[in-house]
Every structure is written in structure tokens, then in C-alpha cells.
Amino acid sequence: MKRNDRQTRTIVLALAALMMLALGLLASGCSASTPKTSASAEAGGAPAKKTRQLTLVAYSIPKKAYSKIIPAFQAYWKRKTGEDVKFTESYGGSGAQARAVIDGLDADVVQLAMEPDVGKIAGAGLVAEDWQARAPQNGVPTTSLIVFGVRRSNPKKIADWADISKPGIGVITPDPKSSGGAQWNLLGSWGSVSFDGKDAQAYAQVEKLYSNALVLDKSARDASNTFLKKGIGDVALLWESDALIAKDEGGEFDIVYPKSTILAETAVSVVDKVVDKNGTRDVAEAFVQYLFTPEAQEEFAKAGLRPVLPEVEAKYADKYPKPSGKLFTVADFGGWKTTGERFFGDTGIYSRIQADVAAKKK
């Protein structure tokens, strides 16, 4: 075969191969520029459902409960939609977590230790102002009480708020200027005497409490460690949930329930700006709703947090006793909007108490 004939035959075969490839692409409805999708398809089958992504940002205490709740929700969502959900989780101090979200931490859902922390995120334009109205139980998935941690056998015979304001009692509580938990502590002492018009007595009792404070840690977790791990102080003001978890982990201390105390209410919300950006509103809102199901409430109860569903609350009544006196809430003080400024503003009650305590120590 001549050289020119061989070249001609090679060109013809190449053109034929290109034509067959083009015909195959047209027959399959594909083209070289067709974009890839996040879902794959098995031969002859429908495309697989996509995987959804959620980021949960929470304060520290419910981490144990979420280790059970999240897998249960993933199974529920898979049954309902056929989709997988992958979670990224972040836990830490409530106030610090709120600041992190405001500063750009991409949270689809937040559960924080108190309403004002979610309120700060709303104030930054990330959460809608009606966030409480959109969730069950006004956005409160769990509660806790402020209780006392005392040394084994309670050698100082501490039984109520007045006892920790007596001379010679070493008190461990964090600083209300940096800790939401500490704000609950102050309100617990104040409310134990103030609701009969006894604000002067309440001020005196709280001032004595802070005169007895040995350390004002930055967070409730730091204060708990100061008392339990460093062995400092006669009494620590603790969330009941923190105290129960510490007992389960072998902490050597006793828990004392004061006669009257405050019900600390946590807060949960979707982060509207993030879920709309990520396209996760449907699954994020479903997750928030799931936290109020009996299944999720059971896990919270097992992990030291008081459930808010009456039927689950009744089941765990022995684990979570009611105070013998008054159980009050921040609503009894007029709500957080009023209470925050009155007690913890720059010229509020706590600032005045700080000044009085410092003046008496000179």
C-alpha cells in the first residue's frame, strides 16, 4: 500500500470514530459540558438523594444529650425524606458561642443557656425578632435550677440562700459581667427574698454573697472546676444540670436544693440569615421541632436537663424535685429586657454591689 493511501485510510478511520462518539453522546442526551451533580445514580436507577449539612452551635451542658439526639434525628430525616444529614457541632460557653456566631461562625441552629444570648444574635440581624414565637414552648427546650454544691456531709450546714451570705462562708460563683450562668445565680438569691416587696433585704443579701465570693471566674464551667477540681470554697452556685453531670462523673460533693430558687430557661433557634444562605431552612426547622418530641426530651432528661414536655417531666419527677418554696422565673422580674438593664447594665444593681463590696474591703 502506498504511503498516501495509508494516510488517507488513517484520516477516514479517525473521522469515523469521532462520528460514532458524537452519535453516542447525542443518543444518551449527554454532552462534554454537562455539569456534575452532588447526587450519583446507579445503572438504570434514579439519582441518589443529596446529603444535607447542618451546623449546631450550643453551650456546653447538652453535649451529652446531643450525642443521642442527633443520630435519632438523622434516622428520622432519612425515613421521611430519603436524605442523609451530616452535623458539625460546636460547644462552649453560652456568651462566647453567641459572640462567635455574630462574628461569623456559620451556625444553622443555636441552643444557648439563656434568651439574651440568642437575643444578641437577633440584634446583629442574623435571627428574626420573632424567633421565640416560631418554636414550641416559646423556644425553651430545656430548663434547670440554680442549686448549691457543698462539701461532703455539708460541714457548714448550708441549706438556703441566707446561709451562703453569712460571714465565713467561702462562695464560688462566676462574674455576672462575663457569665450568663452567674446572672441566674444573682437572680436566684435576689428572688428568694424580694417578691414580698423586700428589695432592701434582697440587696443586702446579695451584697453579702459577693463579699463572700473567693473567686469570680469568667464562666460557670470555670467556677465549677474551681470548686470541684481545685477544692476551693465551701459552696458553689451551680446549674442543677452541671451538678448532676459532675455527680455522675464521680464528683465528691453533695447537692443542696434551696427552699426557693429560679428556673433557668435555655433557648433554641434557627439562624435565619445562615439557613437562607445555605438552603437549609427546612431541615434546620425540622431539627428544632424535633427537640420538643418525647424522644428528644427523654435524652435531655437522661443527661441532666429538665424536660419541658409535661409527660416526660412527670416520668422524671423523682430525678428533678420541685423546691419546697417558690420556684420563680425571669418573667417574675419582668422579663429579660427589663431585668438585664436593671441588674446587669453599666449602672445596674450588680455594678452598685461591686462598688459597695470594694469600698468595704478598703
Foldseek 3Di string as FASTA:
>chain_A
DDPVVVVVVVVVVVVVVVVVVVVVCVVVVHDPPDDDDQWDADVPGDTQAHEAEAEEEEEAQCPQLCVPLVVVLQVVCCVVPVYGYDYHYHYHAQQVSLVVVLVPDQHQKYKYQADVSVVVLVVSVQAPPCFLVLFPPSQFFFKWWWWKWFAPPLPQPDAALQSLLDPPFAEQEADVQQEPLNVQVLCFQLVVPPPVPPNVVSLSSSLSNVLNYPDHHNYQVVSVCCCQVVVDTGMYTHTQLVVVQCVVVPTRTDIHGHLEGEMGTMGMGGRRVSCVVSVNVVVSSVSSRSSLDPVSQLSCVVNRTQGDDVVSNVVCCVVPDDRNHYYHYVVSVVDCVVVCCQDPNPPHSVVVSVVVSVVVVD
